[in-house]
């Protein structure tokens, strides 16, 4: 259990490996850099030059600069200090400012939902105070929280699964030394990478951000109808535009500087080489702002008349998935402004956002409750089948070092099938808003914005813990390290190379980074979301209908101390009961 500085296989002490410095007791040397730092600095200069010269794609300066400039203009026009005080804004009236607006799920005029006047006030005031049989928005908040957990897990897994997500990866190789060569056989032949990490990354890549767009699109019509175009756009600029500017101008560039200068030890300063504006996972926020503004303008220009569309059949939904899959493979990774995965990601996100709007305007989610049992079971079976198929295709293609065009088509169908399945499952399971759900929902937006920083610090801490325990570890610039480009691993700034024969340290590293990130980022984000000035931007506003069932169950106005028994049963159903029908509930 002690951190004895001895080699695991040969018994050599640190310093006997080529290029590594011996660590004397009581004098901890820094993690050695396995390449020439001057050459690494030149590589960052070249990367900055490419970033400044490119005109398309998320990894280019000009699309990001134009996007942030437009956001800054909107902030200056709609949110100057002299326009932010008082007035008759929805915030002053107590209306919700959540970008995922807690609007009503039922279609206008439906029998199960209270009728809502044009201004958004219930015709019968007693309907707000009357406890509902089940919350009709809590399950969407639960789904939003689940997707946020998936995002954090996704980026934590990418670090150890040979995929680029943030700026530092960690690899476990059979040999680590000065100018050692990186090979697929020596560094990537791990069961975790081939059978867990890469399949998990590709499964999530196929749907989770698109389902975010669907939920956001679903809440947009209710917010627009309630606030009007100007207040709707102003609210979106405040809740989406300001965080986007904070990331692209401060959090993103500073994280890149930390990764290069501190984690890797390469001479670099904030904003150097044109990297004063830097993209990252919050690309979703800036795209959602654009979609919301476009929708508000188009809907208002059309006179506010919604387009009535009947709920498509399950087969029609799956055909849409096939089309999206073909789009995934047709343009390939052709760059497109702001979108990390190019044109295909733009088309998929736009379709899901429009689908959310159509679902709200036409009561699709309410109609999905009446979906026949055979159709529900078919969707669940198809989802599990596609999970296995994607897992198989990813494992085979990664092991052979090739890309499989079939994977993109399958992912398109999977994105639709799993979205329908999750919407149905979460509706059955999360029938009310518990205290835990409320806490995580309040923090989820801030978690999405700050989690890359927390993950970066966690992997940095794990690397230093390994070094302190005598494990042979080095750091390098992935752009110049021999063999990393040939192995397709030159898409991150830096990399930690750990000498290990087995996979124990790999699994331990993933568990450490994931656990620390989850334990730190949620309470930290919750605290940030509650800060004065940030509360109206980051915190979730809860609608009365989401709160009423929980308060009614507790017998008073406070939130219950624990999850209701039905939710505890439902959580188990999510993990092991995909074929549980649950209609009796």
Protein backbone atom coordinates (compact mmCIF):
# COMPACT_ATOMS: atom_id res chain seq x y z
CA UNK A 1 0.00 0.00 0.00
CA UNK A 2 3.00 2.34 0.10
CA UNK A 3 4.21 4.48 -2.77
CA UNK A 4 7.56 2.73 -3.17
CA UNK A 5 9.49 4.12 -6.18
CA UNK A 6 10.34 0.79 -7.77
CA UNK A 7 9.61 -0.51 -11.25
CA UNK A 8 6.77 -3.01 -11.39
CA UNK A 9 8.35 -5.47 -13.75
CA UNK A 10 12.13 -5.07 -13.67
CA UNK A 11 12.66 -3.67 -10.20
CA UNK A 12 14.51 -0.67 -11.64
CA UNK A 13 14.31 2.57 -9.73
CA UNK A 14 13.19 5.74 -11.45
CA UNK A 15 16.12 7.32 -13.21
CA UNK A 16 17.34 4.04 -14.70
CA UNK A 17 14.87 4.43 -17.57
CA UNK A 18 16.37 6.41 -20.46
CA UNK A 19 15.75 10.11 -20.12
CA UNK A 20 13.99 10.02 -16.73
CA UNK A 21 15.44 11.69 -13.66
CA UNK A 22 16.04 9.76 -10.45
CA UNK A 23 13.76 10.93 -7.63
CA UNK A 24 15.63 11.20 -4.33
CA UNK A 25 13.69 10.86 -1.07
CA UNK A 26 12.34 14.21 0.09
CA UNK A 27 13.02 15.90 -3.28
CA UNK A 28 10.19 15.36 -5.75
CA UNK A 29 11.29 16.29 -9.27
CA UNK A 30 8.68 17.45 -11.79
CA UNK A 31 7.22 14.96 -14.23
CA UNK A 32 9.82 14.78 -17.03
CA UNK A 33 8.99 16.10 -20.49
CA UNK A 34 9.71 13.38 -23.07
CA UNK A 35 10.29 15.71 -26.03
CA UNK A 36 12.12 18.96 -26.61
CA UNK A 37 10.20 21.84 -25.03
CA UNK A 38 11.43 24.31 -27.63
CA UNK A 39 10.13 22.06 -30.40
CA UNK A 40 6.83 21.71 -28.52
CA UNK A 41 6.55 25.49 -28.26
CA UNK A 42 7.16 25.78 -32.01
CA UNK A 43 4.41 23.19 -32.57
CA UNK A 44 1.97 25.34 -30.57
CA UNK A 45 2.97 28.36 -32.64
CA UNK A 46 2.23 26.39 -35.82
CA UNK A 47 -1.08 25.22 -34.37
CA UNK A 48 -2.00 28.82 -33.52
CA UNK A 49 -1.16 29.87 -37.06
CA UNK A 50 -3.40 27.17 -38.53
CA UNK A 51 -6.15 28.13 -36.10
CA UNK A 52 -5.93 31.79 -37.15
CA UNK A 53 -5.86 31.05 -40.88
CA UNK A 54 -8.70 28.53 -41.15
CA UNK A 55 -12.07 29.95 -42.13
CA UNK A 56 -14.41 27.04 -41.35
CA UNK A 57 -14.99 24.56 -38.57
CA UNK A 58 -15.07 24.69 -34.78
CA UNK A 59 -11.25 24.51 -34.71
CA UNK A 60 -10.86 27.79 -36.59
CA UNK A 61 -10.62 31.34 -35.27
CA UNK A 62 -12.88 33.19 -37.67
CA UNK A 63 -16.17 31.28 -37.21
CA UNK A 64 -15.79 31.47 -33.45
CA UNK A 65 -14.81 35.14 -33.64
CA UNK A 66 -17.83 36.01 -35.80
CA UNK A 67 -20.17 34.06 -33.51
CA UNK A 68 -18.87 35.74 -30.34
CA UNK A 69 -18.93 39.16 -32.04
CA UNK A 70 -22.61 38.68 -32.88
CA UNK A 71 -23.33 37.59 -29.33
CA UNK A 72 -21.46 40.62 -27.96
CA UNK A 73 -23.51 42.92 -30.22
CA UNK A 74 -26.72 41.31 -28.96
CA UNK A 75 -25.58 41.71 -25.36
CA UNK A 76 -24.73 45.36 -25.94
CA UNK A 77 -28.09 46.01 -27.60
CA UNK A 78 -30.40 44.03 -25.32
CA UNK A 79 -28.57 43.92 -21.98
CA UNK A 80 -26.93 47.30 -21.32
CA UNK A 81 -26.98 48.33 -17.65
CA UNK A 82 -29.51 51.11 -18.22
CA UNK A 83 -32.01 48.58 -19.63
CA UNK A 84 -31.55 45.87 -17.01
CA UNK A 85 -33.18 47.55 -14.03
CA UNK A 86 -36.88 47.45 -13.20
CA UNK A 87 -39.37 47.35 -16.04
CA UNK A 88 -42.00 44.72 -16.68
CA UNK A 89 -39.72 41.87 -17.60
CA UNK A 90 -40.68 38.32 -16.90
CA UNK A 91 -38.00 38.15 -14.23
CA UNK A 92 -39.63 41.05 -12.37
CA UNK A 93 -43.01 39.35 -12.68
CA UNK A 94 -41.66 36.11 -11.33
CA UNK A 95 -41.67 34.27 -14.64
CA UNK A 96 -39.21 31.50 -15.39
CA UNK A 97 -35.83 32.40 -16.85
CA UNK A 98 -34.69 28.84 -17.47
CA UNK A 99 -33.52 28.18 -21.06
CA UNK A 100 -35.18 24.78 -20.73
CA UNK A 101 -38.46 26.48 -19.84
CA UNK A 102 -40.73 24.47 -17.55
CA UNK A 103 -43.68 24.78 -19.86
CA UNK A 104 -46.69 22.49 -19.89
CA UNK A 105 -46.37 19.22 -21.74
CA UNK A 106 -49.99 18.75 -22.73
CA UNK A 107 -51.28 20.07 -26.02
CA UNK A 108 -53.34 23.26 -25.89
CA UNK A 109 -56.90 22.46 -25.04
CA UNK A 110 -56.26 18.82 -24.13
CA UNK A 111 -58.48 17.13 -21.60
CA UNK A 112 -55.68 16.29 -19.17
CA UNK A 113 -54.07 19.71 -19.05
CA UNK A 114 -55.50 22.91 -17.61
CA UNK A 115 -56.50 25.36 -20.29
CA UNK A 116 -54.01 28.20 -20.53
CA UNK A 117 -54.88 31.69 -21.61
CA UNK A 118 -52.92 33.54 -24.27
CA UNK A 119 -50.97 35.48 -21.64
CA UNK A 120 -49.94 32.27 -19.94
CA UNK A 121 -52.20 32.55 -16.84
CA UNK A 122 -54.56 29.64 -15.99
CA UNK A 123 -58.23 30.39 -16.47
CA UNK A 124 -58.99 28.73 -13.15
CA UNK A 125 -56.59 30.05 -10.46
CA UNK A 126 -57.33 27.02 -8.29
CA UNK A 127 -55.70 24.73 -10.84
CA UNK A 128 -52.21 25.98 -9.94
CA UNK A 129 -52.55 25.28 -6.23
CA UNK A 130 -54.30 21.92 -6.67
CA UNK A 131 -51.80 19.03 -6.38
CA UNK A 132 -51.56 17.10 -9.63
CA UNK A 133 -51.58 13.32 -9.83
CA UNK A 134 -48.15 13.39 -11.41
CA UNK A 135 -45.69 16.05 -12.44
CA UNK A 136 -45.65 16.52 -16.18
CA UNK A 137 -42.25 18.26 -16.28
CA UNK A 138 -40.19 16.49 -13.63
CA UNK A 139 -39.22 13.67 -15.98
CA UNK A 140 -37.78 16.13 -18.51
CA UNK A 141 -35.70 17.72 -15.75
CA UNK A 142 -34.57 14.21 -14.75
CA UNK A 143 -33.66 13.49 -18.37
CA UNK A 144 -31.73 16.76 -18.56
CA UNK A 145 -29.79 15.79 -15.43
CA UNK A 146 -29.07 12.32 -16.85
CA UNK A 147 -27.74 13.87 -20.06
CA UNK A 148 -25.53 16.26 -18.07
CA UNK A 149 -24.09 13.31 -16.13
CA UNK A 150 -23.51 11.61 -19.49
CA UNK A 151 -21.61 14.66 -20.78
CA UNK A 152 -19.27 14.69 -17.78
CA UNK A 153 -18.79 10.91 -18.01
CA UNK A 154 -18.17 11.21 -21.75
CA UNK A 155 -15.34 13.72 -21.39
CA UNK A 156 -13.81 11.88 -18.44
CA UNK A 157 -13.81 8.67 -20.50
CA UNK A 158 -12.31 10.35 -23.58
CA UNK A 159 -9.16 11.12 -21.58
CA UNK A 160 -8.42 7.43 -21.12
CA UNK A 161 -10.07 6.04 -24.27
CA UNK A 162 -7.75 7.61 -26.86
CA UNK A 163 -10.31 10.21 -27.94
CA UNK A 164 -9.94 13.97 -28.02
CA UNK A 165 -12.32 15.86 -25.76
CA UNK A 166 -10.33 18.38 -23.73
CA UNK A 167 -6.69 19.38 -24.01
CA UNK A 168 -4.89 16.59 -22.12
CA UNK A 169 -5.08 12.79 -22.55
CA UNK A 170 -3.47 9.97 -20.61
CA UNK A 171 -2.02 6.83 -22.21
CA UNK A 172 -0.64 3.68 -20.64
CA UNK A 173 2.28 2.25 -22.61
CA UNK A 174 4.62 -0.70 -22.23
CA UNK A 175 7.68 1.53 -22.51
CA UNK A 176 8.13 5.18 -21.59
CA UNK A 177 11.40 7.05 -22.05
CA UNK A 178 13.00 10.07 -23.63
CA UNK A 179 11.89 10.26 -27.29
CA UNK A 180 10.13 6.90 -26.98
CA UNK A 181 7.92 5.96 -29.90
CA UNK A 182 4.17 5.84 -29.45
CA UNK A 183 2.62 2.73 -31.08
CA UNK A 184 -0.89 1.34 -31.24
CA UNK A 185 0.37 -2.03 -30.09
CA UNK A 186 2.21 -0.63 -27.11
CA UNK A 187 -0.21 2.09 -25.97
CA UNK A 188 -3.71 1.45 -27.34
CA UNK A 189 -4.17 -2.32 -27.07
CA UNK A 190 -6.22 -2.21 -23.90
CA UNK A 191 -9.53 -3.88 -23.21
CA UNK A 192 -10.79 -0.70 -21.55
CA UNK A 193 -10.19 1.34 -24.69
CA UNK A 194 -11.44 -1.20 -27.22
CA UNK A 195 -14.44 -2.67 -25.42
CA UNK A 196 -15.53 0.03 -22.96
CA UNK A 197 -14.15 3.50 -23.67
CA UNK A 198 -14.48 3.79 -27.43
CA UNK A 199 -17.95 2.16 -27.60
CA UNK A 200 -19.16 4.39 -24.76
CA UNK A 201 -17.84 7.50 -26.53
CA UNK A 202 -19.48 6.60 -29.85
CA UNK A 203 -22.79 5.61 -28.26
CA UNK A 204 -23.03 8.95 -26.50
CA UNK A 205 -21.83 10.89 -29.52
CA UNK A 206 -24.74 9.47 -31.46
CA UNK A 207 -27.55 11.01 -29.41
CA UNK A 208 -26.95 12.91 -26.17
CA UNK A 209 -26.35 16.40 -27.56
CA UNK A 210 -29.23 15.99 -30.01
CA UNK A 211 -31.59 15.04 -27.19
CA UNK A 212 -30.47 18.22 -25.42
CA UNK A 213 -31.53 20.16 -28.52
CA UNK A 214 -34.90 18.36 -28.53
CA UNK A 215 -35.62 19.29 -24.89
CA UNK A 216 -34.55 22.88 -25.50
CA UNK A 217 -36.71 23.09 -28.59
CA UNK A 218 -39.65 21.67 -26.66
CA UNK A 219 -39.58 24.47 -24.08
CA UNK A 220 -38.97 27.28 -26.58
CA UNK A 221 -42.60 27.75 -27.84
CA UNK A 222 -44.07 28.18 -24.35
CA UNK A 223 -41.44 30.75 -23.45
CA UNK A 224 -41.92 32.65 -26.71
CA UNK A 225 -45.72 32.74 -26.38
CA UNK A 226 -45.48 33.93 -22.78
CA UNK A 227 -42.82 36.60 -23.19
CA UNK A 228 -43.10 37.86 -26.71
CA UNK A 229 -40.26 38.05 -29.22
CA UNK A 230 -38.19 40.84 -27.69
CA UNK A 231 -38.26 39.52 -24.13
CA UNK A 232 -37.72 35.96 -25.39
CA UNK A 233 -34.59 36.96 -27.32
CA UNK A 234 -33.37 39.13 -24.44
CA UNK A 235 -33.77 36.24 -22.02
CA UNK A 236 -31.89 33.87 -24.33
CA UNK A 237 -29.07 36.37 -24.83
CA UNK A 238 -28.72 36.70 -21.06
CA UNK A 239 -28.96 32.98 -20.25
CA UNK A 240 -27.02 31.67 -23.24
CA UNK A 241 -25.02 34.53 -24.71
CA UNK A 242 -23.27 35.67 -21.53
CA UNK A 243 -22.09 32.13 -20.57
CA UNK A 244 -20.92 31.57 -24.15
CA UNK A 245 -18.83 34.72 -24.04
CA UNK A 246 -17.44 33.72 -20.64
CA UNK A 247 -16.25 30.39 -22.03
CA UNK A 248 -14.95 31.49 -25.43
CA UNK A 249 -13.11 34.54 -24.09
CA UNK A 250 -12.02 33.44 -20.60
CA UNK A 251 -12.63 29.89 -19.43
CA UNK A 252 -11.63 28.20 -22.72
CA UNK A 253 -8.42 30.14 -23.45
CA UNK A 254 -7.32 29.98 -19.81
CA UNK A 255 -7.88 26.20 -19.73
CA UNK A 256 -5.78 25.80 -22.89
CA UNK A 257 -3.05 27.94 -21.30
CA UNK A 258 -3.16 25.85 -18.12
CA UNK A 259 -2.96 22.60 -20.10
CA UNK A 260 0.03 23.79 -22.11
CA UNK A 261 2.00 25.82 -19.58
CA UNK A 262 1.22 24.09 -16.27
CA UNK A 263 0.15 20.54 -17.06
CA UNK A 264 2.65 20.05 -19.91
CA UNK A 265 5.31 22.62 -18.98
CA UNK A 266 5.52 24.12 -22.48
CA UNK A 267 6.20 27.89 -22.59
CA UNK A 268 2.82 29.45 -23.28
CA UNK A 269 0.76 32.38 -22.02
CA UNK A 270 -2.90 33.32 -22.16
CA UNK A 271 -4.08 34.41 -25.60
CA UNK A 272 -0.76 33.62 -27.29
CA UNK A 273 -0.69 32.79 -31.02
CA UNK A 274 -4.28 33.99 -31.59
CA UNK A 275 -5.70 31.60 -29.00
CA UNK A 276 -7.43 34.38 -27.03
CA UNK A 277 -10.75 32.94 -28.18
CA UNK A 278 -11.10 29.20 -27.83
CA UNK A 279 -14.00 26.77 -28.42
CA UNK A 280 -15.00 23.81 -26.30
CA UNK A 281 -18.01 21.80 -25.10
CA UNK A 282 -20.12 24.99 -24.66
CA UNK A 283 -20.44 25.16 -28.46
CA UNK A 284 -23.91 23.81 -27.69
CA UNK A 285 -24.82 27.00 -25.84
CA UNK A 286 -23.98 29.32 -28.71
CA UNK A 287 -25.74 27.11 -31.27
CA UNK A 288 -28.84 26.92 -29.07
CA UNK A 289 -28.87 30.71 -28.86
CA UNK A 290 -28.79 30.96 -32.67
CA UNK A 291 -31.55 28.37 -33.10
CA UNK A 292 -33.75 30.05 -30.48
CA UNK A 293 -33.41 33.50 -32.06
CA UNK A 294 -34.09 32.14 -35.56
CA UNK A 295 -37.17 30.28 -34.33
CA UNK A 296 -38.51 33.34 -32.49
CA UNK A 297 -38.11 35.57 -35.54
CA UNK A 298 -39.60 33.05 -37.99
CA UNK A 299 -42.56 32.23 -35.75
CA UNK A 300 -43.32 35.91 -35.19
CA UNK A 301 -42.99 36.69 -38.90
CA UNK A 302 -45.54 33.95 -39.63
CA UNK A 303 -48.05 35.69 -37.38
CA UNK A 304 -47.57 33.27 -34.50
CA UNK A 305 -49.58 30.54 -36.22
CA UNK A 306 -48.14 27.09 -35.40
CA UNK A 307 -47.90 24.43 -38.07
CA UNK A 308 -50.11 21.51 -37.04
CA UNK A 309 -48.50 18.12 -37.65
CA UNK A 310 -49.93 14.84 -36.44
CA UNK A 311 -47.68 12.55 -34.42
CA UNK A 312 -45.71 10.46 -36.94
CA UNK A 313 -45.71 6.69 -36.70
CA UNK A 314 -42.77 4.90 -35.15
CA UNK A 315 -41.73 3.73 -38.60
CA UNK A 316 -41.66 7.32 -39.84
CA UNK A 317 -39.43 8.35 -36.94
CA UNK A 318 -37.03 5.53 -37.77
CA UNK A 319 -36.98 6.55 -41.44
CA UNK A 320 -35.91 10.01 -40.32
CA UNK A 321 -33.15 8.28 -38.37
CA UNK A 322 -32.00 6.50 -41.53
CA UNK A 323 -31.83 9.83 -43.39
CA UNK A 324 -29.84 11.38 -40.55
CA UNK A 325 -27.51 8.38 -40.65
CA UNK A 326 -26.90 8.84 -44.37
CA UNK A 327 -26.14 12.50 -43.72
CA UNK A 328 -23.62 11.39 -41.08
CA UNK A 329 -21.55 9.59 -43.70
CA UNK A 330 -22.23 11.68 -46.83
CA UNK A 331 -20.35 14.94 -46.06
CA UNK A 332 -18.01 13.20 -43.63
CA UNK A 333 -16.18 15.58 -41.31
CA UNK A 334 -16.57 18.57 -43.62
CA UNK A 335 -15.98 21.64 -41.40
CA UNK A 336 -18.95 23.81 -40.54
CA UNK A 337 -18.89 26.96 -38.40
CA UNK A 338 -18.84 26.30 -34.63
CA UNK A 339 -19.87 22.62 -34.97
CA UNK A 340 -17.08 20.23 -33.86
CA UNK A 341 -18.30 17.39 -36.08
CA UNK A 342 -19.16 19.42 -39.15
CA UNK A 343 -22.24 19.58 -41.36
CA UNK A 344 -23.72 16.31 -40.12
CA UNK A 345 -23.86 17.66 -36.58
CA UNK A 346 -25.53 20.85 -37.81
CA UNK A 347 -28.26 18.93 -39.64
CA UNK A 348 -28.91 16.50 -36.77
CA UNK A 349 -29.09 19.22 -34.14
CA UNK A 350 -31.41 21.37 -36.27
CA UNK A 351 -33.75 18.43 -36.90
CA UNK A 352 -33.95 17.55 -33.20
CA UNK A 353 -34.50 21.19 -32.20
CA UNK A 354 -37.33 21.50 -34.72
CA UNK A 355 -38.69 18.17 -33.49
CA UNK A 356 -38.89 19.58 -29.97
CA UNK A 357 -40.81 22.61 -31.22
CA UNK A 358 -43.21 20.41 -33.19
CA UNK A 359 -43.67 18.12 -30.19
CA UNK A 360 -44.69 21.08 -28.01
CA UNK A 361 -46.97 22.73 -30.55
CA UNK A 362 -48.79 19.49 -31.41
CA UNK A 363 -48.80 17.64 -28.09
CA UNK A 364 -46.61 14.80 -29.31
CA UNK A 365 -45.27 13.86 -25.90
CA UNK A 366 -48.77 13.50 -24.52
CA UNK A 367 -49.71 11.32 -27.48
CA UNK A 368 -46.60 9.19 -26.93
CA UNK A 369 -48.14 8.16 -23.62
CA UNK A 370 -50.81 6.32 -25.61
CA UNK A 371 -48.30 4.46 -27.75
CA UNK A 372 -49.30 0.78 -27.99
CA UNK A 373 -47.42 -1.63 -25.76
CA UNK A 374 -46.00 -3.61 -28.72
CA UNK A 375 -44.58 -0.40 -30.19
CA UNK A 376 -42.95 0.54 -26.86
CA UNK A 377 -41.41 -2.91 -26.51
CA UNK A 378 -40.20 -2.82 -30.10
CA UNK A 379 -38.44 0.52 -29.48
CA UNK A 380 -36.73 -0.85 -26.37
CA UNK A 381 -35.65 -4.03 -28.16
CA UNK A 382 -34.39 -2.02 -31.15
CA UNK A 383 -32.46 0.32 -28.85
CA UNK A 384 -30.69 -2.59 -27.13
CA UNK A 385 -29.98 -4.21 -30.49
CA UNK A 386 -28.45 -1.02 -31.85
CA UNK A 387 -26.37 -0.59 -28.69
CA UNK A 388 -24.86 -4.03 -29.27
CA UNK A 389 -24.36 -3.36 -32.99
CA UNK A 390 -22.61 -0.03 -32.38
CA UNK A 391 -20.47 -1.61 -29.67
CA UNK A 392 -19.43 -4.38 -32.08
CA UNK A 393 -18.69 -2.05 -35.00
CA UNK A 394 -16.69 0.37 -32.84
CA UNK A 395 -14.64 -2.38 -31.19
CA UNK A 396 -13.77 -3.99 -34.54
CA UNK A 397 -13.00 -0.75 -36.38
CA UNK A 398 -10.84 0.68 -33.57
CA UNK A 399 -8.87 -2.52 -33.18
CA UNK A 400 -8.16 -2.59 -36.90
CA UNK A 401 -7.43 1.14 -37.04
CA UNK A 402 -10.05 1.83 -39.75
CA UNK A 403 -13.30 3.81 -39.95
CA UNK A 404 -16.58 2.11 -40.77
CA UNK A 405 -19.16 4.03 -42.83
CA UNK A 406 -21.90 1.70 -41.60
CA UNK A 407 -21.41 3.08 -38.10
CA UNK A 408 -22.69 6.54 -39.07
CA UNK A 409 -25.91 5.13 -40.54
CA UNK A 410 -26.55 2.96 -37.49
CA UNK A 411 -25.89 5.94 -35.20
CA UNK A 412 -28.53 7.96 -37.05
CA UNK A 413 -31.24 5.35 -36.40
CA UNK A 414 -29.98 4.87 -32.85
CA UNK A 415 -30.27 8.60 -32.07
CA UNK A 416 -33.99 8.51 -32.84
CA UNK A 417 -34.72 5.13 -31.23
CA UNK A 418 -32.98 5.85 -27.94
CA UNK A 419 -34.52 9.33 -27.72
CA UNK A 420 -38.03 7.90 -27.98
CA UNK A 421 -37.14 5.12 -25.54
CA UNK A 422 -35.69 7.50 -22.95
CA UNK A 423 -38.63 9.90 -23.22
CA UNK A 424 -40.98 7.01 -22.52
CA UNK A 425 -38.88 5.47 -19.72
CA UNK A 426 -38.24 8.69 -17.85
CA UNK A 427 -41.92 9.63 -18.08
CA UNK A 428 -42.83 6.36 -16.35
CA UNK A 429 -40.10 6.52 -13.72
CA UNK A 430 -39.78 10.16 -12.62
CA UNK A 431 -43.34 11.09 -11.70
CA UNK A 432 -42.38 13.90 -9.30
CA UNK A 433 -39.53 16.26 -8.51
CA UNK A 434 -37.52 15.08 -5.50
CA UNK A 435 -35.08 17.15 -3.50
CA UNK A 436 -32.11 15.40 -5.13
CA UNK A 437 -33.52 16.00 -8.60
CA UNK A 438 -34.12 19.65 -7.83
CA UNK A 439 -30.55 20.07 -6.54
CA UNK A 440 -29.02 18.45 -9.62
CA UNK A 441 -31.32 20.28 -12.01
CA UNK A 442 -30.41 23.63 -10.45
CA UNK A 443 -26.73 22.80 -10.92
CA UNK A 444 -26.86 21.10 -14.33
CA UNK A 445 -26.38 24.20 -16.49
CA UNK A 446 -23.35 25.36 -14.51
CA UNK A 447 -22.00 21.78 -14.52
CA UNK A 448 -22.07 21.77 -18.30
CA UNK A 449 -20.15 25.04 -18.44
CA UNK A 450 -17.37 24.33 -15.92
CA UNK A 451 -16.85 20.54 -16.05
CA UNK A 452 -13.92 20.65 -18.55
CA UNK A 453 -11.89 22.61 -15.99
CA UNK A 454 -12.71 20.13 -13.20
CA UNK A 455 -11.79 17.12 -15.36
CA UNK A 456 -8.51 18.75 -16.43
CA UNK A 457 -7.53 19.39 -12.82
CA UNK A 458 -8.53 15.83 -11.85
CA UNK A 459 -6.32 14.15 -14.48
CA UNK A 460 -3.48 16.54 -13.60
CA UNK A 461 -3.81 15.50 -9.94
CA UNK A 462 -3.85 11.80 -10.87
CA UNK A 463 -0.68 12.18 -12.93
CA UNK A 464 1.13 13.78 -10.00
CA UNK A 465 -0.17 11.09 -7.63
CA UNK A 466 1.29 8.41 -9.90
CA UNK A 467 4.58 10.27 -10.07
CA UNK A 468 4.69 10.62 -6.29
CA UNK A 469 4.14 6.87 -5.95
CA UNK A 470 7.15 6.11 -8.14
CA UNK A 471 5.33 5.17 -11.33
CA UNK A 472 7.32 5.88 -14.48
CA UNK A 473 5.41 8.71 -16.14
CA UNK A 474 6.30 11.39 -18.64
CA UNK A 475 4.52 14.22 -20.42
CA UNK A 476 4.77 15.19 -24.05
CA UNK A 477 3.27 17.32 -26.78
CA UNK A 478 1.04 15.11 -28.92
CA UNK A 479 1.78 17.23 -31.99
CA UNK A 480 5.45 16.24 -32.10
CA UNK A 481 5.84 12.99 -30.16
CA UNK A 482 7.06 10.17 -32.44
CA UNK A 483 4.27 7.84 -33.50
CA UNK A 484 1.28 9.76 -32.13
CA UNK A 485 0.31 11.25 -35.48
CA UNK A 486 0.50 7.84 -37.19
CA UNK A 487 -1.71 6.39 -34.42
CA UNK A 488 -4.25 9.20 -34.88
CA UNK A 489 -3.59 10.67 -31.42
CA UNK A 490 -2.32 14.13 -32.37
CA UNK A 491 -5.60 15.99 -31.79
CA UNK A 492 -4.89 17.03 -28.21
CA UNK A 493 -2.36 19.53 -26.89
CA UNK A 494 -0.57 17.29 -24.43
CA UNK A 495 -0.44 13.74 -23.17
CA UNK A 496 0.72 11.90 -20.09
CA UNK A 497 2.47 8.63 -20.95
CA UNK A 498 2.44 6.11 -18.09
CA UNK A 499 4.54 2.94 -18.13
CA UNK A 500 2.34 -0.01 -17.24
CA UNK A 501 2.12 -3.65 -18.29
CA UNK A 502 -1.51 -4.23 -17.37
CA UNK A 503 -4.65 -2.11 -17.21
CA UNK A 504 -4.96 -1.65 -13.46
CA UNK A 505 -3.66 1.92 -13.43
CA UNK A 506 -5.84 2.75 -16.43
CA UNK A 507 -9.04 1.58 -14.72
CA UNK A 508 -7.95 3.26 -11.50
CA UNK A 509 -7.28 6.52 -13.34
CA UNK A 510 -10.66 6.52 -15.03
CA UNK A 511 -12.43 5.74 -11.73
CA UNK A 512 -10.45 8.47 -9.94
CA UNK A 513 -11.08 11.18 -12.52
CA UNK A 514 -14.76 10.28 -12.92
CA UNK A 515 -15.41 10.09 -9.17
CA UNK A 516 -13.52 13.26 -8.27
CA UNK A 517 -15.17 15.16 -11.12
CA UNK A 518 -18.66 14.09 -10.05
CA UNK A 519 -18.05 14.78 -6.37
CA UNK A 520 -16.58 18.22 -7.04
CA UNK A 521 -18.43 19.62 -10.03
CA UNK A 522 -22.04 19.26 -8.81
CA UNK A 523 -21.75 21.05 -5.46
CA UNK A 524 -19.35 23.58 -6.97
CA UNK A 525 -21.74 24.30 -9.83
CA UNK A 526 -24.68 24.53 -7.43
CA UNK A 527 -22.81 27.10 -5.35
CA UNK A 528 -21.89 29.11 -8.45
CA UNK A 529 -25.48 29.02 -9.69
CA UNK A 530 -26.66 30.49 -6.37
CA UNK A 531 -24.26 33.44 -6.41
CA UNK A 532 -25.84 36.89 -6.66
CA UNK A 533 -25.78 38.08 -10.24
CA UNK A 534 -25.38 34.56 -11.61
CA UNK A 535 -28.57 33.16 -10.16
CA UNK A 536 -30.82 34.54 -12.90
CA UNK A 537 -28.42 33.23 -15.54
CA UNK A 538 -27.57 29.72 -14.32
CA UNK A 539 -30.29 28.55 -11.95
CA UNK A 540 -33.30 26.48 -12.97
CA UNK A 541 -36.71 27.95 -12.20
CA UNK A 542 -39.28 25.37 -11.10
CA UNK A 543 -42.89 25.56 -12.19
CA UNK A 544 -45.68 25.11 -9.62
CA UNK A 545 -46.90 21.91 -11.26
CA UNK A 546 -43.49 20.32 -10.86
CA UNK A 547 -43.29 21.27 -7.21
CA UNK A 548 -46.86 20.52 -6.14
CA UNK A 549 -46.75 16.70 -6.15
CA UNK A 550 -43.60 16.57 -4.03
CA UNK A 551 -44.94 19.06 -1.49
CA UNK A 552 -48.23 17.19 -1.33
CA UNK A 553 -46.46 13.89 -0.61
CA UNK A 554 -44.41 15.42 2.23
CA UNK A 555 -47.51 16.83 3.90
CA UNK A 556 -46.16 20.41 4.01
CA UNK A 557 -44.47 22.95 1.78
CA UNK A 558 -40.95 21.54 2.16
CA UNK A 559 -39.31 19.12 -0.22
CA UNK A 560 -39.23 15.46 0.87
CA UNK A 561 -36.09 14.21 2.60
CA UNK A 562 -35.61 11.29 0.23
CA UNK A 563 -36.70 9.93 -3.11
CA UNK A 564 -40.27 8.62 -3.26
CA UNK A 565 -40.53 4.85 -3.32
CA UNK A 566 -41.86 4.92 -6.88
CA UNK A 567 -38.70 6.71 -8.02
CA UNK A 568 -36.45 4.23 -6.20
CA UNK A 569 -38.22 1.41 -8.00
CA UNK A 570 -37.95 3.32 -11.27
CA UNK A 571 -34.21 3.90 -10.97
CA UNK A 572 -33.76 0.14 -10.77
CA UNK A 573 -36.02 -0.20 -13.79
CA UNK A 574 -33.79 2.11 -15.82
CA UNK A 575 -30.83 -0.14 -15.19
CA UNK A 576 -32.36 -3.57 -15.52
CA UNK A 577 -35.94 -3.33 -16.71
CA UNK A 578 -36.04 -1.92 -20.22
CA UNK A 579 -38.86 -4.33 -20.94
CA UNK A 580 -40.84 -3.36 -17.86
CA UNK A 581 -44.12 -2.01 -19.15
CA UNK A 582 -45.14 -0.08 -16.06
CA UNK A 583 -48.56 0.95 -17.38
CA UNK A 584 -50.13 0.11 -14.02
CA UNK A 585 -48.19 2.99 -12.51
